[in-house]
Amino acid sequence: MAYVDGFVIPVPKRKVKAYIKMAREGFRMWRKHGALDYKECVADDLRPAGMPSVFPTMARLKPGETVVFSYIVYRNRAHRDSVNKKVMKEMKDLQGPPKDMPFDMKRMAYAGFKVVVG
């Protein structure tokens, strides 16, 4: 059964372009090392009519921020662990994480999920 890493990330609107640049590099790395799919999605409608506004609350958005919802798809959890190990090694070998992250990593939500339908 497939496995997904999911992320909810608050990003200052003024840093969205820098985030996208970083995300393109992430796409390249994760796909190179075997991820089946990789998506980075910038919020377009955080307050849909008739629905509670959960994402802004969950991301603890501050004025001037938006939400990025991201996910990476793998064959299974073991495949995820293998791909992530390779990605982390390559990042360390290159230069480590970006020195000027375009978001506050302490407020990023991340978890792994078993796909049960799809």
C-alpha atoms as a PDB file:
ATOM      1  CA  MET A   1       0.000   0.000   0.000  1.00  0.00           C
ATOM      2  CA  ALA A   2       1.293   3.501  -0.834  1.00  0.00           C
ATOM      3  CA  TYR A   3       2.680   5.851   1.769  1.00  0.00           C
ATOM      4  CA  VAL A   4       2.560   9.668   1.885  1.00  0.00           C
ATOM      5  CA  ASP A   5       4.547  12.288   3.772  1.00  0.00           C
ATOM      6  CA  GLY A   6       2.337  15.339   4.312  1.00  0.00           C
ATOM      7  CA  PHE A   7       3.323  18.866   5.287  1.00  0.00           C
ATOM      8  CA  VAL A   8       1.460  22.042   6.274  1.00  0.00           C
ATOM      9  CA  ILE A   9       3.814  25.018   6.224  1.00  0.00           C
ATOM     10  CA  PRO A  10       3.166  28.685   7.035  1.00  0.00           C
ATOM     11  CA  VAL A  11       5.111  30.852   4.574  1.00  0.00           C
ATOM     12  CA  PRO A  12       5.383  34.649   4.566  1.00  0.00           C
ATOM     13  CA  LYS A  13       3.756  35.866   1.339  1.00  0.00           C
ATOM     14  CA  ARG A  14       6.860  37.923   0.560  1.00  0.00           C
ATOM     15  CA  LYS A  15       8.914  34.694   0.608  1.00  0.00           C
ATOM     16  CA  VAL A  16       6.668  32.503  -1.557  1.00  0.00           C
ATOM     17  CA  LYS A  17       8.962  32.886  -4.605  1.00  0.00           C
ATOM     18  CA  ALA A  18      11.980  31.830  -2.528  1.00  0.00           C
ATOM     19  CA  TYR A  19       9.963  28.896  -1.179  1.00  0.00           C
ATOM     20  CA  ILE A  20       9.023  27.807  -4.712  1.00  0.00           C
ATOM     21  CA  LYS A  21      12.672  27.963  -5.764  1.00  0.00           C
ATOM     22  CA  MET A  22      13.597  25.724  -2.823  1.00  0.00           C
ATOM     23  CA  ALA A  23      10.627  23.422  -3.571  1.00  0.00           C
ATOM     24  CA  ARG A  24      11.769  22.918  -7.171  1.00  0.00           C
ATOM     25  CA  GLU A  25      15.097  21.651  -5.857  1.00  0.00           C
ATOM     26  CA  GLY A  26      13.219  19.376  -3.436  1.00  0.00           C
ATOM     27  CA  PHE A  27      11.139  18.038  -6.324  1.00  0.00           C
ATOM     28  CA  ARG A  28      14.294  17.260  -8.279  1.00  0.00           C
ATOM     29  CA  MET A  29      15.964  15.496  -5.333  1.00  0.00           C
ATOM     30  CA  TRP A  30      13.019  13.421  -4.109  1.00  0.00           C
ATOM     31  CA  ARG A  31      12.109  12.281  -7.634  1.00  0.00           C
ATOM     32  CA  LYS A  32      15.762  11.500  -8.439  1.00  0.00           C
ATOM     33  CA  HIS A  33      15.926   9.242  -5.395  1.00  0.00           C
ATOM     34  CA  GLY A  34      12.699   7.402  -6.175  1.00  0.00           C
ATOM     35  CA  ALA A  35       9.668   9.272  -4.816  1.00  0.00           C
ATOM     36  CA  LEU A  36       6.641   8.431  -6.958  1.00  0.00           C
ATOM     37  CA  ASP A  37       5.119  11.925  -6.769  1.00  0.00           C
ATOM     38  CA  TYR A  38       5.941  15.272  -5.177  1.00  0.00           C
ATOM     39  CA  LYS A  39       3.548  18.219  -4.906  1.00  0.00           C
ATOM     40  CA  GLU A  40       3.863  21.695  -3.388  1.00  0.00           C
ATOM     41  CA  CYS A  41       0.583  23.632  -3.245  1.00  0.00           C
ATOM     42  CA  VAL A  42       0.149  27.285  -2.215  1.00  0.00           C
ATOM     43  CA  ALA A  43      -3.212  28.111  -0.616  1.00  0.00           C
ATOM     44  CA  ASP A  44      -5.720  29.742  -2.920  1.00  0.00           C
ATOM     45  CA  ASP A  45      -8.878  29.595  -0.794  1.00  0.00           C
ATOM     46  CA  LEU A  46      -8.237  29.352   2.951  1.00  0.00           C
ATOM     47  CA  ARG A  47     -11.811  30.207   3.883  1.00  0.00           C
ATOM     48  CA  PRO A  48     -14.164  28.202   1.639  1.00  0.00           C
ATOM     49  CA  ALA A  49     -17.832  29.129   2.016  1.00  0.00           C
ATOM     50  CA  GLY A  50     -19.688  27.042   4.579  1.00  0.00           C
ATOM     51  CA  MET A  51     -16.555  25.377   5.940  1.00  0.00           C
ATOM     52  CA  PRO A  52     -14.503  26.065   9.071  1.00  0.00           C
ATOM     53  CA  SER A  53     -11.139  27.785   8.471  1.00  0.00           C
ATOM     54  CA  VAL A  54      -8.960  24.994   9.835  1.00  0.00           C
ATOM     55  CA  PHE A  55      -5.754  25.482   7.850  1.00  0.00           C
ATOM     56  CA  PRO A  56      -5.040  29.037   9.083  1.00  0.00           C
ATOM     57  CA  THR A  57      -5.577  27.876  12.679  1.00  0.00           C
ATOM     58  CA  MET A  58      -3.548  24.691  12.271  1.00  0.00           C
ATOM     59  CA  ALA A  59      -0.658  26.610  10.652  1.00  0.00           C
ATOM     60  CA  ARG A  60      -0.927  29.382  13.277  1.00  0.00           C
ATOM     61  CA  LEU A  61      -0.862  31.923  10.453  1.00  0.00           C
ATOM     62  CA  LYS A  62       0.332  35.406  11.229  1.00  0.00           C
ATOM     63  CA  PRO A  63      -0.661  38.471   9.195  1.00  0.00           C
ATOM     64  CA  GLY A  64       1.088  38.433   5.828  1.00  0.00           C
ATOM     65  CA  GLU A  65       1.452  34.631   5.710  1.00  0.00           C
ATOM     66  CA  THR A  66      -0.125  31.913   3.607  1.00  0.00           C
ATOM     67  CA  VAL A  67      -0.180  28.121   3.806  1.00  0.00           C
ATOM     68  CA  VAL A  68       1.733  25.651   1.678  1.00  0.00           C
ATOM     69  CA  PHE A  69       0.367  22.115   1.636  1.00  0.00           C
ATOM     70  CA  SER A  70       2.886  19.559   0.368  1.00  0.00           C
ATOM     71  CA  TYR A  71       2.993  15.836  -0.080  1.00  0.00           C
ATOM     72  CA  ILE A  72       5.374  13.180  -1.328  1.00  0.00           C
ATOM     73  CA  VAL A  73       4.196   9.728  -2.429  1.00  0.00           C
ATOM     74  CA  TYR A  74       6.132   6.480  -1.969  1.00  0.00           C
ATOM     75  CA  ARG A  75       5.470   2.771  -2.569  1.00  0.00           C
ATOM     76  CA  ASN A  76       5.377   2.055   1.178  1.00  0.00           C
ATOM     77  CA  ARG A  77       6.959   3.228   4.436  1.00  0.00           C
ATOM     78  CA  ALA A  78      10.213   1.314   3.882  1.00  0.00           C
ATOM     79  CA  HIS A  79      10.525   2.956   0.455  1.00  0.00           C
ATOM     80  CA  ARG A  80       9.926   6.355   2.108  1.00  0.00           C
ATOM     81  CA  ASP A  81      12.637   5.717   4.674  1.00  0.00           C
ATOM     82  CA  SER A  82      15.072   4.662   1.939  1.00  0.00           C
ATOM     83  CA  VAL A  83      14.326   7.682  -0.288  1.00  0.00           C
ATOM     84  CA  ASN A  84      14.531  10.147   2.611  1.00  0.00           C
ATOM     85  CA  LYS A  85      17.861   8.685   3.734  1.00  0.00           C
ATOM     86  CA  LYS A  86      19.300   9.259   0.242  1.00  0.00           C
ATOM     87  CA  VAL A  87      17.875  12.783   0.028  1.00  0.00           C
ATOM     88  CA  MET A  88      19.241  13.751   3.451  1.00  0.00           C
ATOM     89  CA  LYS A  89      22.676  12.393   2.525  1.00  0.00           C
ATOM     90  CA  GLU A  90      22.713  14.368  -0.722  1.00  0.00           C
ATOM     91  CA  MET A  91      21.595  17.547   1.076  1.00  0.00           C
ATOM     92  CA  LYS A  92      24.347  17.089   3.682  1.00  0.00           C
ATOM     93  CA  ASP A  93      26.961  16.365   0.989  1.00  0.00           C
ATOM     94  CA  LEU A  94      25.952  19.448  -1.001  1.00  0.00           C
ATOM     95  CA  GLN A  95      25.715  22.107   1.681  1.00  0.00           C
ATOM     96  CA  GLY A  96      23.067  21.186   4.217  1.00  0.00           C
ATOM     97  CA  PRO A  97      19.679  22.891   4.475  1.00  0.00           C
ATOM     98  CA  PRO A  98      19.337  26.403   3.050  1.00  0.00           C
ATOM     99  CA  LYS A  99      20.894  29.015   5.332  1.00  0.00           C
ATOM    100  CA  ASP A 100      17.938  31.357   4.915  1.00  0.00           C
ATOM    101  CA  MET A 101      14.843  29.161   5.113  1.00  0.00           C
ATOM    102  CA  PRO A 102      11.827  30.946   3.613  1.00  0.00           C
ATOM    103  CA  PHE A 103       9.625  29.708   6.467  1.00  0.00           C
ATOM    104  CA  ASP A 104       9.731  28.989  10.205  1.00  0.00           C
ATOM    105  CA  MET A 105      10.553  25.284  10.495  1.00  0.00           C
ATOM    106  CA  LYS A 106       9.295  25.208  14.099  1.00  0.00           C
ATOM    107  CA  ARG A 107       5.767  25.858  12.830  1.00  0.00           C
ATOM    108  CA  MET A 108       5.825  23.260  10.054  1.00  0.00           C
ATOM    109  CA  ALA A 109       3.525  20.260  10.560  1.00  0.00           C
ATOM    110  CA  TYR A 110       4.806  16.967   9.150  1.00  0.00           C
ATOM    111  CA  ALA A 111       3.640  13.375   9.373  1.00  0.00           C
ATOM    112  CA  GLY A 112       3.657  10.095   7.484  1.00  0.00           C
ATOM    113  CA  PHE A 113       0.381   8.507   6.340  1.00  0.00           C
ATOM    114  CA  LYS A 114      -0.656   5.057   5.094  1.00  0.00           C
ATOM    115  CA  VAL A 115      -2.842   5.361   2.012  1.00  0.00           C
ATOM    116  CA  VAL A 116      -6.084   3.478   2.703  1.00  0.00           C
ATOM    117  CA  VAL A 117      -8.113   4.521  -0.374  1.00  0.00           C
ATOM    118  CA  GLY A 118      -6.832   5.369  -3.830  1.00  0.00           C
END
